[in-house]
Amino acid sequence: MRKTDLGTKDLLNPQETIEHFRLSGRKFYAMLKANKKNDFVVLYGTRKLIIRVAFQKYLLSHPELRRKDTWE
């Protein structure tokens, strides 16, 4: 069974979001904890899921969440 491409999923869990968008995990989790009213976060029970398209729009105005890859 193949894994679903993260670019085609509508909802991502936090770890998938970090992998797909190449984010700093520490900054991303701190942002999730600090901001309770993000437009791109939905709750499924106690789980936080990220709306991929809405988060892409958020990243355009907040590029500081991206990892700084100095080795590339």
N, C-alpha and C. Protein backbone atom coordinates (compact mmCIF):
# COMPACT_ATOMS: atom_id res chain seq x y z
N MET A 1 0.84 -1.17 0.00
CA MET A 1 0.00 0.00 0.00
C MET A 1 0.89 1.24 0.00
N ARG A 2 0.63 2.14 -0.94
CA ARG A 2 1.44 3.34 -1.06
C ARG A 2 0.91 4.44 -0.14
N LYS A 3 1.84 5.30 0.29
CA LYS A 3 1.45 6.45 1.09
C LYS A 3 0.80 7.49 0.18
N THR A 4 -0.16 8.19 0.71
CA THR A 4 -0.80 9.27 -0.03
C THR A 4 0.16 10.45 -0.11
N ASP A 5 0.24 11.07 -1.28
CA ASP A 5 1.07 12.25 -1.45
C ASP A 5 0.52 13.38 -0.58
N LEU A 6 1.37 13.97 0.24
CA LEU A 6 0.92 15.01 1.17
C LEU A 6 0.40 16.25 0.44
N GLY A 7 0.86 16.48 -0.77
CA GLY A 7 0.39 17.63 -1.54
C GLY A 7 -1.03 17.49 -2.04
N THR A 8 -1.58 16.29 -1.98
CA THR A 8 -2.95 16.09 -2.46
C THR A 8 -3.96 15.97 -1.32
N LYS A 9 -3.48 15.82 -0.09
CA LYS A 9 -4.39 15.69 1.05
C LYS A 9 -4.94 17.06 1.43
N ASP A 10 -6.20 17.11 1.82
CA ASP A 10 -6.82 18.37 2.26
C ASP A 10 -6.47 18.69 3.70
N LEU A 11 -6.42 17.67 4.55
CA LEU A 11 -6.10 17.84 5.97
C LEU A 11 -4.81 17.10 6.29
N LEU A 12 -3.94 17.76 7.05
CA LEU A 12 -2.67 17.16 7.46
C LEU A 12 -2.57 17.20 8.97
N ASN A 13 -1.92 16.19 9.55
CA ASN A 13 -1.64 16.28 10.98
C ASN A 13 -0.40 17.17 11.14
N PRO A 14 -0.09 17.62 12.34
CA PRO A 14 1.06 18.53 12.51
C PRO A 14 2.38 17.98 11.97
N GLN A 15 2.66 16.69 12.18
CA GLN A 15 3.93 16.14 11.70
C GLN A 15 3.98 16.12 10.17
N GLU A 16 2.88 15.79 9.52
CA GLU A 16 2.83 15.81 8.06
C GLU A 16 3.01 17.23 7.54
N THR A 17 2.46 18.21 8.24
CA THR A 17 2.59 19.61 7.84
C THR A 17 4.05 20.03 7.91
N ILE A 18 4.74 19.65 8.97
CA ILE A 18 6.16 19.98 9.11
C ILE A 18 6.97 19.36 7.99
N GLU A 19 6.70 18.11 7.65
CA GLU A 19 7.43 17.42 6.58
C GLU A 19 7.13 18.04 5.22
N HIS A 20 5.86 18.26 4.93
CA HIS A 20 5.46 18.73 3.60
C HIS A 20 5.97 20.15 3.31
N PHE A 21 5.87 21.04 4.27
CA PHE A 21 6.25 22.43 4.05
C PHE A 21 7.66 22.74 4.51
N ARG A 22 8.39 21.73 4.98
CA ARG A 22 9.78 21.90 5.45
C ARG A 22 9.86 23.00 6.50
N LEU A 23 9.12 22.81 7.57
CA LEU A 23 9.04 23.81 8.64
C LEU A 23 9.96 23.44 9.80
N SER A 24 10.24 24.43 10.61
CA SER A 24 10.92 24.19 11.88
C SER A 24 9.87 23.63 12.83
N GLY A 25 10.09 22.42 13.30
CA GLY A 25 9.13 21.77 14.19
C GLY A 25 8.91 22.55 15.47
N ARG A 26 9.99 23.05 16.03
CA ARG A 26 9.90 23.81 17.28
C ARG A 26 9.05 25.07 17.11
N LYS A 27 9.30 25.82 16.04
CA LYS A 27 8.53 27.04 15.79
C LYS A 27 7.08 26.73 15.47
N PHE A 28 6.85 25.66 14.72
CA PHE A 28 5.48 25.31 14.34
C PHE A 28 4.65 24.92 15.56
N TYR A 29 5.19 24.04 16.40
CA TYR A 29 4.45 23.61 17.59
C TYR A 29 4.25 24.78 18.57
N ALA A 30 5.24 25.67 18.67
CA ALA A 30 5.09 26.85 19.54
C ALA A 30 3.98 27.75 19.01
N MET A 31 3.90 27.91 17.69
CA MET A 31 2.86 28.72 17.07
C MET A 31 1.49 28.10 17.30
N LEU A 32 1.38 26.79 17.17
CA LEU A 32 0.10 26.12 17.42
C LEU A 32 -0.35 26.29 18.87
N LYS A 33 0.60 26.22 19.78
CA LYS A 33 0.28 26.33 21.20
C LYS A 33 -0.10 27.77 21.57
N ALA A 34 0.59 28.75 20.99
CA ALA A 34 0.37 30.16 21.35
C ALA A 34 -0.90 30.73 20.73
N ASN A 35 -1.16 30.42 19.46
CA ASN A 35 -2.30 30.99 18.75
C ASN A 35 -3.44 29.98 18.74
N LYS A 36 -4.46 30.25 19.50
CA LYS A 36 -5.60 29.34 19.57
C LYS A 36 -6.61 29.57 18.44
N LYS A 37 -6.52 30.71 17.76
CA LYS A 37 -7.54 31.05 16.76
C LYS A 37 -6.96 31.13 15.35
N ASN A 38 -6.23 30.12 14.94
CA ASN A 38 -5.72 30.07 13.58
C ASN A 38 -6.82 29.58 12.65
N ASP A 39 -6.93 30.21 11.49
CA ASP A 39 -7.97 29.84 10.52
C ASP A 39 -7.71 28.49 9.86
N PHE A 40 -6.50 28.00 9.94
CA PHE A 40 -6.14 26.77 9.24
C PHE A 40 -6.14 25.54 10.14
N VAL A 41 -6.49 25.68 11.41
CA VAL A 41 -6.51 24.55 12.35
C VAL A 41 -7.95 24.15 12.63
N VAL A 42 -8.22 22.85 12.51
CA VAL A 42 -9.53 22.30 12.90
C VAL A 42 -9.28 21.22 13.94
N LEU A 43 -10.23 21.07 14.82
CA LEU A 43 -10.12 20.03 15.85
C LEU A 43 -10.99 18.85 15.48
N TYR A 44 -10.43 17.66 15.62
CA TYR A 44 -11.16 16.42 15.43
C TYR A 44 -11.03 15.68 16.75
N GLY A 45 -12.00 15.88 17.62
CA GLY A 45 -11.86 15.42 18.99
C GLY A 45 -10.83 16.30 19.67
N THR A 46 -9.73 15.70 20.12
CA THR A 46 -8.65 16.48 20.73
C THR A 46 -7.48 16.67 19.77
N ARG A 47 -7.59 16.09 18.58
CA ARG A 47 -6.50 16.17 17.60
C ARG A 47 -6.60 17.46 16.80
N LYS A 48 -5.45 18.06 16.52
CA LYS A 48 -5.39 19.25 15.67
C LYS A 48 -5.03 18.80 14.27
N LEU A 49 -5.82 19.23 13.30
CA LEU A 49 -5.54 18.96 11.90
C LEU A 49 -5.37 20.29 11.19
N ILE A 50 -4.52 20.31 10.18
CA ILE A 50 -4.18 21.53 9.46
C ILE A 50 -4.82 21.48 8.08
N ILE A 51 -5.55 22.54 7.72
CA ILE A 51 -6.12 22.64 6.38
C ILE A 51 -4.99 23.11 5.46
N ARG A 52 -4.57 22.25 4.55
CA ARG A 52 -3.38 22.49 3.73
C ARG A 52 -3.46 23.78 2.93
N VAL A 53 -4.55 24.03 2.22
CA VAL A 53 -4.66 25.21 1.36
C VAL A 53 -4.64 26.49 2.19
N ALA A 54 -5.36 26.50 3.30
CA ALA A 54 -5.39 27.68 4.18
C ALA A 54 -4.01 27.93 4.79
N PHE A 55 -3.29 26.85 5.13
CA PHE A 55 -1.96 27.02 5.71
C PHE A 55 -0.97 27.53 4.67
N GLN A 56 -1.12 27.13 3.41
CA GLN A 56 -0.25 27.66 2.35
C GLN A 56 -0.40 29.17 2.26
N LYS A 57 -1.62 29.67 2.35
CA LYS A 57 -1.85 31.12 2.32
C LYS A 57 -1.22 31.79 3.54
N TYR A 58 -1.33 31.15 4.71
CA TYR A 58 -0.73 31.69 5.93
C TYR A 58 0.79 31.78 5.79
N LEU A 59 1.40 30.78 5.19
CA LEU A 59 2.86 30.76 5.04
C LEU A 59 3.38 31.89 4.15
N LEU A 60 2.57 32.33 3.20
CA LEU A 60 3.01 33.43 2.33
C LEU A 60 3.30 34.69 3.14
N SER A 61 2.55 34.92 4.19
CA SER A 61 2.77 36.11 5.01
C SER A 61 3.61 35.83 6.26
N HIS A 62 3.95 34.57 6.53
CA HIS A 62 4.76 34.20 7.69
C HIS A 62 5.87 33.22 7.30
N PRO A 63 6.83 33.66 6.49
CA PRO A 63 7.89 32.73 6.04
C PRO A 63 8.88 32.35 7.14
N GLU A 64 8.82 33.00 8.29
CA GLU A 64 9.77 32.70 9.37
C GLU A 64 9.60 31.30 9.95
N LEU A 65 8.49 30.64 9.64
CA LEU A 65 8.28 29.27 10.12
C LEU A 65 9.11 28.25 9.34
N ARG A 66 9.53 28.62 8.15
CA ARG A 66 10.30 27.68 7.33
C ARG A 66 11.68 27.44 7.93
N ARG A 67 12.19 26.24 7.71
CA ARG A 67 13.52 25.88 8.17
C ARG A 67 14.56 26.64 7.37
N LYS A 68 15.63 26.99 8.02
CA LYS A 68 16.75 27.63 7.33
C LYS A 68 17.78 26.54 7.04
N ASP A 69 17.79 26.05 5.81
CA ASP A 69 18.72 24.99 5.42
C ASP A 69 20.03 25.62 4.98
N THR A 70 21.01 25.62 5.85
CA THR A 70 22.29 26.24 5.53
C THR A 70 23.18 25.33 4.70
N TRP A 71 22.87 24.04 4.65
CA TRP A 71 23.73 23.10 3.93
C TRP A 71 23.40 23.02 2.45
N GLU A 72 22.35 23.66 1.99
CA GLU A 72 22.00 23.59 0.56
C GLU A 72 22.68 24.68 -0.21
